[in-house]
Amino acid sequence: MQPGPTPLLLATPPTTLEKLKHIPSGTWLNLGGCILTVAIVVGAWRTLRKINELVPWIVSVLAAAMIFSYWTYNRTEPKFLTPVVDQLTQILPTKSKHEQDLEKLRKSREDHP
């Protein structure tokens, strides 16, 4: 009887390529999207900076304001920003408050034909 392969030889650690094959394709898409986004932002920043050094900062502040407004209205903010968005809901409108106001308006129209 010939000796078979030892269990140690069968339990070799996977190579880097084998590990990469097990990463879900969604992860690669997210990584590619992030790299593309960074490239676009850097290109836009450089283009806007050619106009004036202050322009990219103004665009950045406007973009951040739009993102925070969206998060506040729809309450889709990341968990760690919930305390900040909670404070913004006292100033900015939210979707749930808007829907409540519309429902009150509909009921008042139904009550008074």
Protein backbone atom coordinates (compact mmCIF):
# COMPACT_ATOMS: atom_id res chain seq x y z
CA MET A 1 0.00 0.00 0.00
CA GLN A 2 1.45 3.34 -1.01
CA PRO A 3 1.18 6.27 1.31
CA GLY A 4 -1.32 8.92 0.19
CA PRO A 5 -0.88 12.67 0.39
CA THR A 6 -0.65 13.98 3.87
CA PRO A 7 -3.40 16.25 5.18
CA LEU A 8 -0.93 19.13 5.43
CA LEU A 9 -0.39 19.18 1.69
CA LEU A 10 -4.14 19.29 1.08
CA ALA A 11 -4.62 22.20 3.47
CA THR A 12 -2.32 24.66 1.73
CA PRO A 13 -3.41 28.25 2.13
CA PRO A 14 -5.15 29.75 -0.90
CA THR A 15 -3.12 32.00 -3.16
CA THR A 16 -3.92 35.66 -3.60
CA LEU A 17 -5.51 34.96 -6.98
CA GLU A 18 -7.78 32.32 -5.44
CA LYS A 19 -8.82 34.78 -2.73
CA LEU A 20 -9.61 37.43 -5.34
CA LYS A 21 -11.81 34.98 -7.26
CA HIS A 22 -14.07 34.62 -4.20
CA ILE A 23 -14.77 38.37 -3.89
CA PRO A 24 -18.33 39.11 -5.10
CA SER A 25 -18.68 40.98 -8.39
CA GLY A 26 -20.71 43.70 -6.64
CA THR A 27 -17.61 44.60 -4.63
CA TRP A 28 -15.60 45.05 -7.83
CA LEU A 29 -18.36 47.24 -9.29
CA ASN A 30 -18.39 49.41 -6.17
CA LEU A 31 -14.60 49.71 -6.24
CA GLY A 32 -14.64 50.64 -9.93
CA GLY A 33 -17.39 53.18 -9.31
CA CYS A 34 -15.40 54.77 -6.48
CA ILE A 35 -12.26 55.01 -8.61
CA LEU A 36 -14.26 56.53 -11.48
CA THR A 37 -15.91 59.02 -9.11
CA VAL A 38 -12.57 60.10 -7.67
CA ALA A 39 -11.18 60.58 -11.19
CA ILE A 40 -14.19 62.70 -12.21
CA VAL A 41 -14.04 64.81 -9.03
CA VAL A 42 -10.31 65.45 -9.43
CA GLY A 43 -10.79 66.38 -13.09
CA ALA A 44 -13.71 68.68 -12.29
CA TRP A 45 -11.77 70.27 -9.43
CA ARG A 46 -8.81 71.03 -11.72
CA THR A 47 -11.09 72.39 -14.44
CA LEU A 48 -12.98 74.64 -12.02
CA ARG A 49 -9.72 75.80 -10.46
CA LYS A 50 -8.63 77.10 -13.87
CA ILE A 51 -11.60 79.49 -13.73
CA ASN A 52 -10.83 80.78 -10.25
CA GLU A 53 -9.37 79.29 -7.06
CA LEU A 54 -12.61 79.94 -5.17
CA VAL A 55 -14.99 78.29 -7.66
CA PRO A 56 -14.32 74.63 -6.71
CA TRP A 57 -14.96 75.47 -3.05
CA ILE A 58 -18.26 77.17 -3.88
CA VAL A 59 -19.34 74.17 -5.99
CA SER A 60 -18.32 71.81 -3.17
CA VAL A 61 -20.38 73.72 -0.60
CA LEU A 62 -23.40 73.77 -2.94
CA ALA A 63 -23.07 70.03 -3.60
CA ALA A 64 -22.81 69.29 0.13
CA ALA A 65 -25.87 71.47 0.81
CA MET A 66 -27.84 69.60 -1.85
CA ILE A 67 -26.80 66.21 -0.44
CA PHE A 68 -27.70 67.21 3.13
CA SER A 69 -31.05 68.61 1.90
CA TYR A 70 -31.80 65.33 0.16
CA TRP A 71 -30.82 63.32 3.23
CA THR A 72 -32.94 65.55 5.44
CA TYR A 73 -36.02 65.41 3.21
CA ASN A 74 -35.92 61.63 2.61
CA ARG A 75 -34.13 60.65 5.88
CA THR A 76 -31.66 58.46 3.98
CA GLU A 77 -28.55 59.71 5.77
CA PRO A 78 -25.77 57.39 6.96
CA LYS A 79 -26.29 56.23 10.54
CA PHE A 80 -23.38 58.23 11.95
CA LEU A 81 -24.89 61.48 10.60
CA THR A 82 -28.34 60.94 12.13
CA PRO A 83 -27.74 63.42 15.01
CA VAL A 84 -26.77 66.15 12.50
CA VAL A 85 -29.75 65.43 10.25
CA ASP A 86 -32.05 65.37 13.28
CA GLN A 87 -31.03 68.96 13.95
CA LEU A 88 -31.57 69.89 10.29
CA THR A 89 -35.13 68.50 10.35
CA GLN A 90 -36.08 71.34 12.69
CA ILE A 91 -35.20 73.82 9.94
CA LEU A 92 -35.63 71.94 6.65
CA PRO A 93 -38.76 70.10 5.47
CA THR A 94 -39.03 66.33 5.56
CA LYS A 95 -41.00 63.98 3.36
CA SER A 96 -43.10 62.62 6.24
CA LYS A 97 -44.02 66.14 7.40
CA HIS A 98 -44.89 67.11 3.82
CA GLU A 99 -47.12 64.04 3.44
CA GLN A 100 -48.86 64.84 6.75
CA ASP A 101 -49.53 68.39 5.58
CA LEU A 102 -50.95 67.12 2.28
CA GLU A 103 -53.18 64.65 4.13
CA LYS A 104 -54.51 67.43 6.37
CA LEU A 105 -55.20 69.54 3.29
CA ARG A 106 -57.05 66.68 1.59
CA LYS A 107 -59.16 66.03 4.69
CA SER A 108 -60.05 69.69 5.04
CA ARG A 109 -61.17 69.78 1.39
CA GLU A 110 -63.26 66.64 1.89
CA ASP A 111 -64.89 68.09 5.01
CA HIS A 112 -65.82 71.39 3.28
CA PRO A 113 -67.10 70.70 -0.23
